[in-house]
Amino acid sequence: MRLLLSLLASALIAYGIGALILLRANPEVDFWHELESKRDKELAALRNDHPDQPLILFAGGSSCAFSIDPELIATATGLPAINLGGPAHAGVDYLIPRVMNAAKSGDIVILALEPHFLTADSQVPPTSLGLALQMKRDSRMEHLTHLHRLRPGATFLATWLAKCASGRLGYRYDASHHRAGGRLAHDAILDPNTRSPQAPDGQLGDAGRNLLRQLAHQAKERNIRLLYSLPWQYVEPPLADLHREANRCLLAQISEILPCVEDDSLGVSTRTEDFSDTTNHLSPPGSERRSISLAKELSRHLNHSTIR
């Protein structure tokens, strides 16, 4: 019995230390939490400054955060906009409710969600990062059902310990990457020798289909206009047509549930200068190109014609 109690106590202590590391000593959580706090203030200011206008809110992973310039969107559409894209590995259980809860009747939500969330066949459970970020925002009892996931994985812990030992505990992004309207920007330019990611699955998965249907139903009940926009990704020129065809098939299936706001790129760019530190994060020039292209199509959807 004493051995059993010792093992139980050790497990609880280890869990507690792991949870504290994620919540209190995790620079990634600190970065995104600080950004979310700034976005909350910007969103409140938009509501206050435009009390009679709907807002455009962008939801998705970091490919959304680094790609959509809400100021360009606002100029094009005449409607105030904000970018609420977050870290993709926080999971849809964090990324989407955060935006849907912020939306009000009459608002337009653009779901710029990475395709891998939609091609999955099974629902991905809440991630430790998503749960940590949610708990930093509030401490509602509903999160207790997922507390067993609030623990660092072996890779995270090894990296964290190595950084602590070297005195370089930090995250690759900081406040200098924040931009107005919730956008992120990085001045790096993608290495021209970067290889393309694997061609996407062009089939909507069961979990993805269910997610879109649930969101469409929620949006309809709350009088929120919900649309989907495919993020841009770097692809080597010889593989561009393959990627575009897969994306075309995926968009055709998504459009049966949600209207899609797209452009001729079909989510593909072969220009390394359009991307910064990853094949999914747009550079400032790439963000401008993507935002203007999206704004043109979005203006058409919203019956605006301010871009020519």
C-alpha atoms as a PDB file:
ATOM      1  CA  MET A   1       0.000   0.000   0.000  1.00  0.00           C
ATOM      2  CA  ARG A   2       2.839   2.380   0.864  1.00  0.00           C
ATOM      3  CA  LEU A   3       4.413   1.740  -2.546  1.00  0.00           C
ATOM      4  CA  LEU A   4       1.101   2.372  -4.263  1.00  0.00           C
ATOM      5  CA  LEU A   5       0.621   5.644  -2.406  1.00  0.00           C
ATOM      6  CA  SER A   6       4.174   6.697  -3.242  1.00  0.00           C
ATOM      7  CA  LEU A   7       3.620   5.989  -6.925  1.00  0.00           C
ATOM      8  CA  LEU A   8       0.336   7.873  -6.877  1.00  0.00           C
ATOM      9  CA  ALA A   9       1.906  10.847  -5.118  1.00  0.00           C
ATOM     10  CA  SER A  10       4.796  10.859  -7.597  1.00  0.00           C
ATOM     11  CA  ALA A  11       2.384  10.795 -10.530  1.00  0.00           C
ATOM     12  CA  LEU A  12       0.346  13.680  -9.103  1.00  0.00           C
ATOM     13  CA  ILE A  13       3.463  15.743  -8.400  1.00  0.00           C
ATOM     14  CA  ALA A  14       4.797  15.070 -11.904  1.00  0.00           C
ATOM     15  CA  TYR A  15       1.449  16.049 -13.405  1.00  0.00           C
ATOM     16  CA  GLY A  16       1.322  19.222 -11.313  1.00  0.00           C
ATOM     17  CA  ILE A  17       4.838  20.237 -12.349  1.00  0.00           C
ATOM     18  CA  GLY A  18       4.028  19.545 -16.003  1.00  0.00           C
ATOM     19  CA  ALA A  19       0.832  21.588 -15.817  1.00  0.00           C
ATOM     20  CA  LEU A  20       2.667  24.494 -14.176  1.00  0.00           C
ATOM     21  CA  ILE A  21       5.330  24.402 -16.895  1.00  0.00           C
ATOM     22  CA  LEU A  22       2.668  24.595 -19.610  1.00  0.00           C
ATOM     23  CA  LEU A  23       0.694  27.345 -17.897  1.00  0.00           C
ATOM     24  CA  ARG A  24       3.361  29.440 -16.195  1.00  0.00           C
ATOM     25  CA  ALA A  25       6.713  28.748 -17.876  1.00  0.00           C
ATOM     26  CA  ASN A  26       5.813  28.180 -21.509  1.00  0.00           C
ATOM     27  CA  PRO A  27       6.956  31.053 -23.777  1.00  0.00           C
ATOM     28  CA  GLU A  28       4.687  29.842 -26.589  1.00  0.00           C
ATOM     29  CA  VAL A  29       1.613  30.121 -24.377  1.00  0.00           C
ATOM     30  CA  ASP A  30       2.809  33.506 -23.114  1.00  0.00           C
ATOM     31  CA  PHE A  31       3.235  34.825 -26.662  1.00  0.00           C
ATOM     32  CA  TRP A  32      -0.194  33.767 -27.920  1.00  0.00           C
ATOM     33  CA  HIS A  33      -1.908  34.824 -24.697  1.00  0.00           C
ATOM     34  CA  GLU A  34      -0.370  38.298 -24.962  1.00  0.00           C
ATOM     35  CA  LEU A  35      -1.484  38.537 -28.589  1.00  0.00           C
ATOM     36  CA  GLU A  36      -5.015  37.436 -27.679  1.00  0.00           C
ATOM     37  CA  SER A  37      -5.168  40.071 -24.950  1.00  0.00           C
ATOM     38  CA  LYS A  38      -4.220  42.767 -27.458  1.00  0.00           C
ATOM     39  CA  ARG A  39      -6.779  41.436 -29.912  1.00  0.00           C
ATOM     40  CA  ASP A  40      -9.490  41.557 -27.252  1.00  0.00           C
ATOM     41  CA  LYS A  41      -8.787  45.261 -26.773  1.00  0.00           C
ATOM     42  CA  GLU A  42      -8.743  45.906 -30.524  1.00  0.00           C
ATOM     43  CA  LEU A  43     -12.009  44.023 -30.955  1.00  0.00           C
ATOM     44  CA  ALA A  44     -13.643  46.017 -28.177  1.00  0.00           C
ATOM     45  CA  ALA A  45     -12.408  49.245 -29.783  1.00  0.00           C
ATOM     46  CA  LEU A  46     -13.853  48.202 -33.169  1.00  0.00           C
ATOM     47  CA  ARG A  47     -17.219  47.509 -31.539  1.00  0.00           C
ATOM     48  CA  ASN A  48     -17.130  50.867 -29.819  1.00  0.00           C
ATOM     49  CA  ASP A  49     -16.060  52.818 -32.914  1.00  0.00           C
ATOM     50  CA  HIS A  50     -18.487  51.055 -35.294  1.00  0.00           C
ATOM     51  CA  PRO A  51     -21.549  50.267 -33.158  1.00  0.00           C
ATOM     52  CA  ASP A  52     -23.916  49.991 -36.129  1.00  0.00           C
ATOM     53  CA  GLN A  53     -21.683  47.989 -38.469  1.00  0.00           C
ATOM     54  CA  PRO A  54     -21.014  44.253 -38.677  1.00  0.00           C
ATOM     55  CA  LEU A  55     -17.412  43.134 -38.206  1.00  0.00           C
ATOM     56  CA  ILE A  56     -15.379  40.741 -40.331  1.00  0.00           C
ATOM     57  CA  LEU A  57     -13.566  38.200 -38.143  1.00  0.00           C
ATOM     58  CA  PHE A  58     -10.932  35.815 -39.515  1.00  0.00           C
ATOM     59  CA  ALA A  59     -10.500  32.394 -37.895  1.00  0.00           C
ATOM     60  CA  GLY A  60      -7.856  29.738 -38.487  1.00  0.00           C
ATOM     61  CA  GLY A  61      -4.356  28.641 -37.573  1.00  0.00           C
ATOM     62  CA  SER A  62      -1.104  30.541 -37.873  1.00  0.00           C
ATOM     63  CA  SER A  63      -1.384  30.519 -41.681  1.00  0.00           C
ATOM     64  CA  CYS A  64      -4.352  32.844 -41.136  1.00  0.00           C
ATOM     65  CA  ALA A  65      -2.533  34.941 -38.538  1.00  0.00           C
ATOM     66  CA  PHE A  66       0.380  35.591 -40.913  1.00  0.00           C
ATOM     67  CA  SER A  67      -1.631  36.058 -44.097  1.00  0.00           C
ATOM     68  CA  ILE A  68      -4.692  38.270 -43.667  1.00  0.00           C
ATOM     69  CA  ASP A  69      -4.188  42.017 -43.293  1.00  0.00           C
ATOM     70  CA  PRO A  70      -7.479  43.244 -41.759  1.00  0.00           C
ATOM     71  CA  GLU A  71      -6.703  46.872 -42.596  1.00  0.00           C
ATOM     72  CA  LEU A  72      -6.597  46.064 -46.318  1.00  0.00           C
ATOM     73  CA  ILE A  73      -9.794  44.030 -45.965  1.00  0.00           C
ATOM     74  CA  ALA A  74     -11.513  46.927 -44.168  1.00  0.00           C
ATOM     75  CA  THR A  75     -10.431  49.403 -46.837  1.00  0.00           C
ATOM     76  CA  ALA A  76     -11.751  47.136 -49.584  1.00  0.00           C
ATOM     77  CA  THR A  77     -15.067  46.182 -48.047  1.00  0.00           C
ATOM     78  CA  GLY A  78     -15.875  49.245 -45.977  1.00  0.00           C
ATOM     79  CA  LEU A  79     -16.341  47.014 -42.930  1.00  0.00           C
ATOM     80  CA  PRO A  80     -14.060  46.841 -39.879  1.00  0.00           C
ATOM     81  CA  ALA A  81     -12.060  43.605 -39.692  1.00  0.00           C
ATOM     82  CA  ILE A  82      -9.809  41.740 -37.271  1.00  0.00           C
ATOM     83  CA  ASN A  83      -7.495  38.737 -37.626  1.00  0.00           C
ATOM     84  CA  LEU A  84      -7.998  36.138 -34.876  1.00  0.00           C
ATOM     85  CA  GLY A  85      -5.842  33.356 -36.332  1.00  0.00           C
ATOM     86  CA  GLY A  86      -3.955  31.318 -33.718  1.00  0.00           C
ATOM     87  CA  PRO A  87      -1.470  28.452 -33.477  1.00  0.00           C
ATOM     88  CA  ALA A  88      -2.670  25.492 -35.541  1.00  0.00           C
ATOM     89  CA  HIS A  89      -1.505  22.925 -32.998  1.00  0.00           C
ATOM     90  CA  ALA A  90      -3.823  24.478 -30.421  1.00  0.00           C
ATOM     91  CA  GLY A  91      -6.521  22.560 -32.322  1.00  0.00           C
ATOM     92  CA  VAL A  92      -9.954  23.493 -33.617  1.00  0.00           C
ATOM     93  CA  ASP A  93     -11.447  23.220 -30.122  1.00  0.00           C
ATOM     94  CA  TYR A  94      -9.542  26.405 -29.290  1.00  0.00           C
ATOM     95  CA  LEU A  95      -9.216  28.166 -32.660  1.00  0.00           C
ATOM     96  CA  ILE A  96     -12.869  28.146 -33.716  1.00  0.00           C
ATOM     97  CA  PRO A  97     -14.922  28.695 -30.517  1.00  0.00           C
ATOM     98  CA  ARG A  98     -12.686  31.651 -29.635  1.00  0.00           C
ATOM     99  CA  VAL A  99     -13.862  33.407 -32.819  1.00  0.00           C
ATOM    100  CA  MET A 100     -17.454  32.197 -32.858  1.00  0.00           C
ATOM    101  CA  ASN A 101     -17.895  33.333 -29.259  1.00  0.00           C
ATOM    102  CA  ALA A 102     -16.530  36.763 -30.192  1.00  0.00           C
ATOM    103  CA  ALA A 103     -18.901  37.125 -33.169  1.00  0.00           C
ATOM    104  CA  LYS A 104     -22.267  38.838 -32.805  1.00  0.00           C
ATOM    105  CA  SER A 105     -25.428  38.827 -34.867  1.00  0.00           C
ATOM    106  CA  GLY A 106     -24.769  40.307 -38.302  1.00  0.00           C
ATOM    107  CA  ASP A 107     -21.002  39.696 -38.237  1.00  0.00           C
ATOM    108  CA  ILE A 108     -19.111  37.920 -41.017  1.00  0.00           C
ATOM    109  CA  VAL A 109     -16.740  35.114 -40.005  1.00  0.00           C
ATOM    110  CA  ILE A 110     -14.177  33.953 -42.566  1.00  0.00           C
ATOM    111  CA  LEU A 111     -13.017  30.441 -41.754  1.00  0.00           C
ATOM    112  CA  ALA A 112      -9.441  30.388 -43.117  1.00  0.00           C
ATOM    113  CA  LEU A 113      -8.753  26.989 -41.603  1.00  0.00           C
ATOM    114  CA  GLU A 114      -5.894  24.764 -42.755  1.00  0.00           C
ATOM    115  CA  PRO A 115      -7.136  21.863 -44.948  1.00  0.00           C
ATOM    116  CA  HIS A 116      -5.645  19.126 -42.742  1.00  0.00           C
ATOM    117  CA  PHE A 117      -8.291  19.914 -40.115  1.00  0.00           C
ATOM    118  CA  LEU A 118     -11.010  19.245 -42.681  1.00  0.00           C
ATOM    119  CA  THR A 119      -9.604  16.131 -44.352  1.00  0.00           C
ATOM    120  CA  ALA A 120      -9.294  14.227 -41.068  1.00  0.00           C
ATOM    121  CA  ASP A 121     -11.637  11.262 -40.630  1.00  0.00           C
ATOM    122  CA  SER A 122     -11.824  11.486 -36.838  1.00  0.00           C
ATOM    123  CA  GLN A 123     -12.149  14.330 -34.363  1.00  0.00           C
ATOM    124  CA  VAL A 124      -8.825  15.478 -32.890  1.00  0.00           C
ATOM    125  CA  PRO A 125      -9.078  15.809 -29.089  1.00  0.00           C
ATOM    126  CA  PRO A 126      -8.162  19.073 -27.335  1.00  0.00           C
ATOM    127  CA  THR A 127      -4.409  19.648 -27.357  1.00  0.00           C
ATOM    128  CA  SER A 128      -2.282  20.624 -24.367  1.00  0.00           C
ATOM    129  CA  LEU A 129      -1.477  23.987 -25.989  1.00  0.00           C
ATOM    130  CA  GLY A 130      -5.124  24.736 -26.750  1.00  0.00           C
ATOM    131  CA  LEU A 131      -6.171  23.770 -23.247  1.00  0.00           C
ATOM    132  CA  ALA A 132      -3.406  25.864 -21.667  1.00  0.00           C
ATOM    133  CA  LEU A 133      -4.412  28.899 -23.728  1.00  0.00           C
ATOM    134  CA  GLN A 134      -8.071  28.421 -22.866  1.00  0.00           C
ATOM    135  CA  MET A 135      -7.305  28.154 -19.173  1.00  0.00           C
ATOM    136  CA  LYS A 136      -5.186  31.303 -19.327  1.00  0.00           C
ATOM    137  CA  ARG A 137      -8.247  33.108 -20.713  1.00  0.00           C
ATOM    138  CA  ASP A 138     -10.731  31.693 -18.199  1.00  0.00           C
ATOM    139  CA  SER A 139     -11.061  28.907 -15.642  1.00  0.00           C
ATOM    140  CA  ARG A 140     -14.541  27.585 -16.288  1.00  0.00           C
ATOM    141  CA  MET A 141     -15.371  24.169 -14.861  1.00  0.00           C
ATOM    142  CA  GLU A 142     -15.992  22.709 -18.324  1.00  0.00           C
ATOM    143  CA  HIS A 143     -12.232  22.559 -18.888  1.00  0.00           C
ATOM    144  CA  LEU A 144     -11.835  20.084 -16.030  1.00  0.00           C
ATOM    145  CA  THR A 145     -12.980  17.217 -18.270  1.00  0.00           C
ATOM    146  CA  HIS A 146      -9.771  17.626 -20.307  1.00  0.00           C
ATOM    147  CA  LEU A 147      -7.298  18.311 -17.503  1.00  0.00           C
ATOM    148  CA  HIS A 148      -5.601  14.968 -18.131  1.00  0.00           C
ATOM    149  CA  ARG A 149      -4.325  16.473 -21.415  1.00  0.00           C
ATOM    150  CA  LEU A 150      -2.652  19.374 -19.645  1.00  0.00           C
ATOM    151  CA  ARG A 151       0.763  17.760 -19.622  1.00  0.00           C
ATOM    152  CA  PRO A 152       3.885  18.338 -21.723  1.00  0.00           C
ATOM    153  CA  GLY A 153       4.942  15.659 -24.169  1.00  0.00           C
ATOM    154  CA  ALA A 154       8.397  14.118 -24.154  1.00  0.00           C
ATOM    155  CA  THR A 155       9.633  16.258 -27.076  1.00  0.00           C
ATOM    156  CA  PHE A 156       8.344  19.468 -25.511  1.00  0.00           C
ATOM    157  CA  LEU A 157       9.879  18.629 -22.132  1.00  0.00           C
ATOM    158  CA  ALA A 158      13.254  17.723 -23.612  1.00  0.00           C
ATOM    159  CA  THR A 159      13.339  20.944 -25.631  1.00  0.00           C
ATOM    160  CA  TRP A 160      12.192  23.006 -22.652  1.00  0.00           C
ATOM    161  CA  LEU A 161      14.894  21.537 -20.389  1.00  0.00           C
ATOM    162  CA  ALA A 162      17.583  22.092 -23.032  1.00  0.00           C
ATOM    163  CA  LYS A 163      16.547  25.719 -23.447  1.00  0.00           C
ATOM    164  CA  CYS A 164      16.532  26.233 -19.687  1.00  0.00           C
ATOM    165  CA  ALA A 165      20.008  24.727 -19.406  1.00  0.00           C
ATOM    166  CA  SER A 166      21.325  27.029 -22.142  1.00  0.00           C
ATOM    167  CA  GLY A 167      19.582  30.079 -20.727  1.00  0.00           C
ATOM    168  CA  ARG A 168      17.624  30.550 -23.956  1.00  0.00           C
ATOM    169  CA  LEU A 169      14.098  29.767 -22.899  1.00  0.00           C
ATOM    170  CA  GLY A 170      12.080  31.642 -25.461  1.00  0.00           C
ATOM    171  CA  TYR A 171       9.761  31.413 -28.424  1.00  0.00           C
ATOM    172  CA  ARG A 172      10.638  32.148 -32.031  1.00  0.00           C
ATOM    173  CA  TYR A 173       8.108  34.998 -32.144  1.00  0.00           C
ATOM    174  CA  ASP A 174       7.726  37.980 -29.852  1.00  0.00           C
ATOM    175  CA  ALA A 175       5.838  41.264 -29.596  1.00  0.00           C
ATOM    176  CA  SER A 176       7.886  42.757 -32.443  1.00  0.00           C
ATOM    177  CA  HIS A 177       5.938  40.489 -34.814  1.00  0.00           C
ATOM    178  CA  HIS A 178       2.547  41.926 -33.782  1.00  0.00           C
ATOM    179  CA  ARG A 179       0.790  44.113 -36.320  1.00  0.00           C
ATOM    180  CA  ALA A 180      -2.393  46.177 -36.232  1.00  0.00           C
ATOM    181  CA  GLY A 181      -5.650  44.266 -36.414  1.00  0.00           C
ATOM    182  CA  GLY A 182      -4.269  41.086 -34.864  1.00  0.00           C
ATOM    183  CA  ARG A 183      -2.006  40.140 -37.773  1.00  0.00           C
ATOM    184  CA  LEU A 184       1.474  38.640 -37.374  1.00  0.00           C
ATOM    185  CA  ALA A 185       4.418  39.436 -39.661  1.00  0.00           C
ATOM    186  CA  HIS A 186       7.934  38.055 -40.041  1.00  0.00           C
ATOM    187  CA  ASP A 187      10.529  39.661 -42.320  1.00  0.00           C
ATOM    188  CA  ALA A 188      12.283  36.391 -43.195  1.00  0.00           C
ATOM    189  CA  ILE A 189      12.023  35.122 -46.767  1.00  0.00           C
ATOM    190  CA  LEU A 190      11.616  31.420 -47.453  1.00  0.00           C
ATOM    191  CA  ASP A 191      14.729  29.582 -48.654  1.00  0.00           C
ATOM    192  CA  PRO A 192      14.483  29.108 -52.455  1.00  0.00           C
ATOM    193  CA  ASN A 193      15.571  25.477 -51.977  1.00  0.00           C
ATOM    194  CA  THR A 194      12.593  24.681 -49.754  1.00  0.00           C
ATOM    195  CA  ARG A 195      10.740  21.561 -50.867  1.00  0.00           C
ATOM    196  CA  SER A 196       6.979  21.447 -51.241  1.00  0.00           C
ATOM    197  CA  PRO A 197       4.847  19.788 -48.577  1.00  0.00           C
ATOM    198  CA  GLN A 198       3.044  16.620 -49.514  1.00  0.00           C
ATOM    199  CA  ALA A 199       0.075  17.070 -51.840  1.00  0.00           C
ATOM    200  CA  PRO A 200      -3.093  17.579 -49.783  1.00  0.00           C
ATOM    201  CA  ASP A 201      -5.906  15.092 -49.528  1.00  0.00           C
ATOM    202  CA  GLY A 202      -8.679  16.465 -51.691  1.00  0.00           C
ATOM    203  CA  GLN A 203     -11.408  14.621 -49.805  1.00  0.00           C
ATOM    204  CA  LEU A 204     -13.413  16.133 -46.969  1.00  0.00           C
ATOM    205  CA  GLY A 205     -13.173  13.808 -43.971  1.00  0.00           C
ATOM    206  CA  ASP A 206     -16.046  12.782 -41.728  1.00  0.00           C
ATOM    207  CA  ALA A 207     -14.784  14.913 -38.839  1.00  0.00           C
ATOM    208  CA  GLY A 208     -14.221  17.883 -41.130  1.00  0.00           C
ATOM    209  CA  ARG A 209     -17.666  17.567 -42.662  1.00  0.00           C
ATOM    210  CA  ASN A 210     -19.282  17.346 -39.227  1.00  0.00           C
ATOM    211  CA  LEU A 211     -17.322  20.371 -38.029  1.00  0.00           C
ATOM    212  CA  LEU A 212     -18.442  22.490 -40.979  1.00  0.00           C
ATOM    213  CA  ARG A 213     -22.053  21.412 -40.598  1.00  0.00           C
ATOM    214  CA  GLN A 214     -22.046  22.229 -36.887  1.00  0.00           C
ATOM    215  CA  LEU A 215     -20.513  25.642 -37.549  1.00  0.00           C
ATOM    216  CA  ALA A 216     -22.975  26.345 -40.375  1.00  0.00           C
ATOM    217  CA  HIS A 217     -25.879  25.459 -38.087  1.00  0.00           C
ATOM    218  CA  GLN A 218     -24.509  27.612 -35.263  1.00  0.00           C
ATOM    219  CA  ALA A 219     -23.945  30.539 -37.612  1.00  0.00           C
ATOM    220  CA  LYS A 220     -27.462  30.310 -39.006  1.00  0.00           C
ATOM    221  CA  GLU A 221     -29.005  30.235 -35.530  1.00  0.00           C
ATOM    222  CA  ARG A 222     -26.996  33.296 -34.462  1.00  0.00           C
ATOM    223  CA  ASN A 223     -27.399  35.258 -37.721  1.00  0.00           C
ATOM    224  CA  ILE A 224     -23.674  35.129 -38.468  1.00  0.00           C
ATOM    225  CA  ARG A 225     -22.517  34.973 -42.073  1.00  0.00           C
ATOM    226  CA  LEU A 226     -19.941  32.173 -42.292  1.00  0.00           C
ATOM    227  CA  LEU A 227     -17.659  31.661 -45.297  1.00  0.00           C
ATOM    228  CA  TYR A 228     -14.586  29.534 -45.998  1.00  0.00           C
ATOM    229  CA  SER A 229     -11.291  30.708 -47.494  1.00  0.00           C
ATOM    230  CA  LEU A 230      -8.444  28.350 -48.377  1.00  0.00           C
ATOM    231  CA  PRO A 231      -5.039  29.437 -46.988  1.00  0.00           C
ATOM    232  CA  TRP A 232      -2.113  29.887 -49.369  1.00  0.00           C
ATOM    233  CA  GLN A 233       0.771  27.421 -49.268  1.00  0.00           C
ATOM    234  CA  TYR A 234       4.139  27.382 -51.017  1.00  0.00           C
ATOM    235  CA  VAL A 235       4.397  24.706 -53.710  1.00  0.00           C
ATOM    236  CA  GLU A 236       7.238  24.052 -56.151  1.00  0.00           C
ATOM    237  CA  PRO A 237       6.157  24.909 -59.722  1.00  0.00           C
ATOM    238  CA  PRO A 238       6.225  21.308 -61.073  1.00  0.00           C
ATOM    239  CA  LEU A 239       3.775  20.228 -58.359  1.00  0.00           C
ATOM    240  CA  ALA A 240       1.479  23.254 -58.453  1.00  0.00           C
ATOM    241  CA  ASP A 241      -1.171  21.720 -60.717  1.00  0.00           C
ATOM    242  CA  LEU A 242      -1.360  18.607 -58.523  1.00  0.00           C
ATOM    243  CA  HIS A 243      -1.941  20.715 -55.420  1.00  0.00           C
ATOM    244  CA  ARG A 244      -4.459  22.964 -57.137  1.00  0.00           C
ATOM    245  CA  GLU A 245      -6.496  20.011 -58.371  1.00  0.00           C
ATOM    246  CA  ALA A 246      -6.641  18.517 -54.856  1.00  0.00           C
ATOM    247  CA  ASN A 247      -7.685  21.903 -53.466  1.00  0.00           C
ATOM    248  CA  ARG A 248     -10.307  22.311 -56.197  1.00  0.00           C
ATOM    249  CA  CYS A 249     -11.871  18.987 -55.201  1.00  0.00           C
ATOM    250  CA  LEU A 250     -11.826  19.927 -51.521  1.00  0.00           C
ATOM    251  CA  LEU A 251     -13.395  23.334 -52.148  1.00  0.00           C
ATOM    252  CA  ALA A 252     -16.164  21.756 -54.224  1.00  0.00           C
ATOM    253  CA  GLN A 253     -17.119  19.601 -51.226  1.00  0.00           C
ATOM    254  CA  ILE A 254     -16.829  22.452 -48.734  1.00  0.00           C
ATOM    255  CA  SER A 255     -19.032  24.650 -50.929  1.00  0.00           C
ATOM    256  CA  GLU A 256     -21.874  22.171 -50.478  1.00  0.00           C
ATOM    257  CA  ILE A 257     -21.909  23.233 -46.808  1.00  0.00           C
ATOM    258  CA  LEU A 258     -20.450  26.757 -46.759  1.00  0.00           C
ATOM    259  CA  PRO A 259     -19.927  29.389 -49.448  1.00  0.00           C
ATOM    260  CA  CYS A 260     -16.240  29.699 -50.343  1.00  0.00           C
ATOM    261  CA  VAL A 261     -14.390  32.963 -50.896  1.00  0.00           C
ATOM    262  CA  GLU A 262     -11.550  32.077 -53.239  1.00  0.00           C
ATOM    263  CA  ASP A 263      -9.316  33.356 -56.007  1.00  0.00           C
ATOM    264  CA  ASP A 264      -7.499  31.908 -58.998  1.00  0.00           C
ATOM    265  CA  SER A 265      -4.577  30.729 -56.847  1.00  0.00           C
ATOM    266  CA  LEU A 266      -6.605  27.847 -55.359  1.00  0.00           C
ATOM    267  CA  GLY A 267      -4.455  28.080 -52.239  1.00  0.00           C
ATOM    268  CA  VAL A 268      -1.147  27.695 -54.111  1.00  0.00           C
ATOM    269  CA  SER A 269       1.756  30.103 -54.606  1.00  0.00           C
ATOM    270  CA  THR A 270       4.995  29.125 -56.334  1.00  0.00           C
ATOM    271  CA  ARG A 271       6.788  32.314 -55.241  1.00  0.00           C
ATOM    272  CA  THR A 272       9.162  31.832 -52.290  1.00  0.00           C
ATOM    273  CA  GLU A 273       9.124  35.599 -51.746  1.00  0.00           C
ATOM    274  CA  ASP A 274       5.460  35.276 -50.759  1.00  0.00           C
ATOM    275  CA  PHE A 275       6.465  33.306 -47.642  1.00  0.00           C
ATOM    276  CA  SER A 276       8.502  34.013 -44.533  1.00  0.00           C
ATOM    277  CA  ASP A 277       9.757  31.371 -42.098  1.00  0.00           C
ATOM    278  CA  THR A 278       7.547  28.442 -43.179  1.00  0.00           C
ATOM    279  CA  THR A 279       5.682  27.249 -46.274  1.00  0.00           C
ATOM    280  CA  ASN A 280       2.419  28.364 -44.622  1.00  0.00           C
ATOM    281  CA  HIS A 281       3.377  31.766 -43.199  1.00  0.00           C
ATOM    282  CA  LEU A 282       3.133  34.579 -45.708  1.00  0.00           C
ATOM    283  CA  SER A 283       5.744  37.319 -45.817  1.00  0.00           C
ATOM    284  CA  PRO A 284       4.564  40.961 -45.629  1.00  0.00           C
ATOM    285  CA  PRO A 285       4.487  41.241 -49.465  1.00  0.00           C
ATOM    286  CA  GLY A 286       2.748  37.872 -49.691  1.00  0.00           C
ATOM    287  CA  SER A 287       0.238  38.940 -47.075  1.00  0.00           C
ATOM    288  CA  GLU A 288      -0.531  42.051 -49.090  1.00  0.00           C
ATOM    289  CA  ARG A 289      -1.053  40.031 -52.287  1.00  0.00           C
ATOM    290  CA  ARG A 290      -3.227  37.477 -50.506  1.00  0.00           C
ATOM    291  CA  SER A 291      -5.288  40.123 -48.695  1.00  0.00           C
ATOM    292  CA  ILE A 292      -5.964  42.172 -51.829  1.00  0.00           C
ATOM    293  CA  SER A 293      -6.882  39.058 -53.789  1.00  0.00           C
ATOM    294  CA  LEU A 294      -9.199  37.863 -51.017  1.00  0.00           C
ATOM    295  CA  ALA A 295     -10.709  41.324 -50.585  1.00  0.00           C
ATOM    296  CA  LYS A 296     -11.753  41.465 -54.218  1.00  0.00           C
ATOM    297  CA  GLU A 297     -13.671  38.214 -53.976  1.00  0.00           C
ATOM    298  CA  LEU A 298     -15.014  39.023 -50.518  1.00  0.00           C
ATOM    299  CA  SER A 299     -16.293  42.370 -51.794  1.00  0.00           C
ATOM    300  CA  ARG A 300     -18.213  40.501 -54.472  1.00  0.00           C
ATOM    301  CA  HIS A 301     -19.748  38.200 -51.868  1.00  0.00           C
ATOM    302  CA  LEU A 302     -20.739  41.147 -49.717  1.00  0.00           C
ATOM    303  CA  ASN A 303     -22.028  43.163 -52.688  1.00  0.00           C
ATOM    304  CA  HIS A 304     -19.245  45.735 -52.472  1.00  0.00           C
ATOM    305  CA  SER A 305     -17.166  46.971 -55.384  1.00  0.00           C
ATOM    306  CA  THR A 306     -14.584  49.207 -53.774  1.00  0.00           C
ATOM    307  CA  ILE A 307     -11.632  47.391 -55.357  1.00  0.00           C
ATOM    308  CA  ARG A 308     -11.052  47.702 -59.092  1.00  0.00           C
END
